[in-house]
């Protein structure tokens, strides 16, 4: 069993910053890809950013809408992934979900953390 827990969401003004954290725990042999997705009401969940494991050199992928503003990183020793979000815009408002792909087990989602960007 694997648990995934996000934290760090909240309310921020446009142009502000937030840092999301995600911790994976439980029966983990090795984590492959980790990532962040977001969803707004009535819309499909969309990719924000992903990062592969050190074995594959920690390759990152970003949605075009967040390139240059968001940075994904991970701490393999702690089974954690982070999302630094700068210059936030109202359109970044969403529930942000962490995804963890655990080797030999499968993929797991967190419960989500709300990010609101509003003046």
Protein backbone atom coordinates (compact mmCIF):
# COMPACT_ATOMS: atom_id res chain seq x y z
CA UNK A 1 0.00 0.00 0.00
CA UNK A 2 1.24 3.47 -0.92
CA UNK A 3 0.03 6.79 0.47
CA UNK A 4 0.47 10.09 -1.34
CA UNK A 5 -0.15 13.36 0.48
CA UNK A 6 0.06 16.88 -0.93
CA UNK A 7 0.46 20.12 0.99
CA UNK A 8 1.16 23.77 0.37
CA UNK A 9 -1.92 25.02 -1.43
CA UNK A 10 -3.74 28.19 -0.52
CA UNK A 11 -4.79 31.65 -1.61
CA UNK A 12 -2.29 33.94 -3.30
CA UNK A 13 -2.51 37.17 -5.25
CA UNK A 14 -1.63 37.30 -8.95
CA UNK A 15 2.12 37.50 -9.36
CA UNK A 16 2.70 35.69 -6.11
CA UNK A 17 4.36 32.36 -5.39
CA UNK A 18 3.49 29.07 -3.75
CA UNK A 19 5.41 25.86 -3.19
CA UNK A 20 3.57 22.56 -3.25
CA UNK A 21 5.00 19.46 -1.61
CA UNK A 22 4.07 15.82 -2.03
CA UNK A 23 5.20 12.93 0.14
CA UNK A 24 4.91 9.26 -0.79
CA UNK A 25 5.10 6.57 1.87
CA UNK A 26 4.41 2.89 2.34
CA UNK A 27 5.57 -0.13 0.38
CA UNK A 28 7.95 1.62 -1.98
CA UNK A 29 10.79 -0.18 -3.73
CA UNK A 30 11.62 2.64 -6.09
CA UNK A 31 9.69 5.56 -7.52
CA UNK A 32 9.84 6.12 -11.23
CA UNK A 33 8.11 9.23 -12.55
CA UNK A 34 6.58 11.79 -10.18
CA UNK A 35 4.37 14.58 -11.31
CA UNK A 36 1.80 17.29 -10.75
CA UNK A 37 -1.55 17.60 -12.48
CA UNK A 38 -4.38 20.06 -11.99
CA UNK A 39 -8.11 20.11 -12.50
CA UNK A 40 -10.83 22.75 -12.53
CA UNK A 41 -14.58 22.08 -12.25
CA UNK A 42 -15.98 20.55 -15.42
CA UNK A 43 -12.56 20.09 -16.97
CA UNK A 44 -10.30 17.10 -17.43
CA UNK A 45 -7.25 16.71 -15.25
CA UNK A 46 -4.26 18.13 -17.07
CA UNK A 47 -0.52 17.67 -16.79
CA UNK A 48 1.40 20.48 -15.13
CA UNK A 49 4.88 18.97 -14.78
CA UNK A 50 6.58 15.61 -14.41
CA UNK A 51 10.07 14.48 -13.48
CA UNK A 52 11.63 11.09 -14.08
CA UNK A 53 13.87 9.21 -11.69
CA UNK A 54 17.61 9.75 -11.30
CA UNK A 55 18.14 6.58 -13.30
CA UNK A 56 16.81 8.44 -16.31
CA UNK A 57 18.56 11.68 -15.33
CA UNK A 58 15.61 13.44 -13.81
CA UNK A 59 14.12 14.58 -17.09
CA UNK A 60 11.41 17.21 -16.64
CA UNK A 61 8.37 17.95 -18.76
CA UNK A 62 6.19 21.05 -18.38
CA UNK A 63 2.91 22.16 -19.80
CA UNK A 64 3.41 25.12 -22.14
CA UNK A 65 1.22 27.27 -19.91
CA UNK A 66 3.60 27.00 -16.95
CA UNK A 67 7.02 26.93 -18.65
CA UNK A 68 9.32 29.56 -17.18
CA UNK A 69 7.10 30.04 -14.12
CA UNK A 70 6.92 26.62 -12.44
CA UNK A 71 9.77 24.34 -11.41
CA UNK A 72 9.42 20.69 -10.43
CA UNK A 73 12.02 18.95 -8.29
CA UNK A 74 12.31 15.80 -6.23
CA UNK A 75 14.13 14.42 -3.21
CA UNK A 76 14.58 10.71 -3.81
CA UNK A 77 15.88 10.02 -0.31
CA UNK A 78 12.61 11.35 1.13
CA UNK A 79 10.28 10.14 -1.65
CA UNK A 80 9.10 13.69 -2.14
CA UNK A 81 8.34 15.91 -5.10
CA UNK A 82 7.91 19.68 -5.09
CA UNK A 83 6.36 22.26 -7.37
CA UNK A 84 7.64 25.82 -7.07
CA UNK A 85 5.08 28.13 -8.66
CA UNK A 86 6.09 31.71 -9.39
CA UNK A 87 4.28 34.58 -11.10
CA UNK A 88 0.96 32.89 -10.50
CA UNK A 89 -2.00 33.86 -12.65
CA UNK A 90 -5.75 33.56 -12.00
CA UNK A 91 -5.90 30.80 -14.62
CA UNK A 92 -3.61 28.70 -12.42
CA UNK A 93 -6.48 28.35 -9.95
CA UNK A 94 -7.25 24.63 -9.65
CA UNK A 95 -6.96 21.57 -7.47
CA UNK A 96 -3.42 20.28 -7.84
CA UNK A 97 -2.84 16.54 -7.64
CA UNK A 98 0.40 14.67 -7.10
CA UNK A 99 1.03 11.47 -9.07
CA UNK A 100 3.62 8.86 -8.14
CA UNK A 101 4.57 5.89 -10.31
CA UNK A 102 5.96 3.22 -8.00
CA UNK A 103 8.08 0.48 -9.56
CA UNK A 104 6.56 -3.02 -9.38
CA UNK A 105 3.33 -1.61 -7.91
CA UNK A 106 1.73 1.05 -10.06
CA UNK A 107 0.52 4.65 -10.05
CA UNK A 108 -0.98 6.51 -7.11
CA UNK A 109 -2.72 9.87 -6.76
CA UNK A 110 -2.91 12.18 -3.80
CA UNK A 111 -6.15 13.71 -2.56
CA UNK A 112 -5.37 17.11 -4.08
CA UNK A 113 -4.61 20.55 -2.73
CA UNK A 114 -6.50 23.70 -3.71
CA UNK A 115 -4.66 26.66 -5.20
CA UNK A 116 -6.55 29.92 -5.59
CA UNK A 117 -5.01 32.88 -7.37
CA UNK A 118 -7.10 35.97 -6.83
CA UNK A 119 -6.82 39.59 -5.83
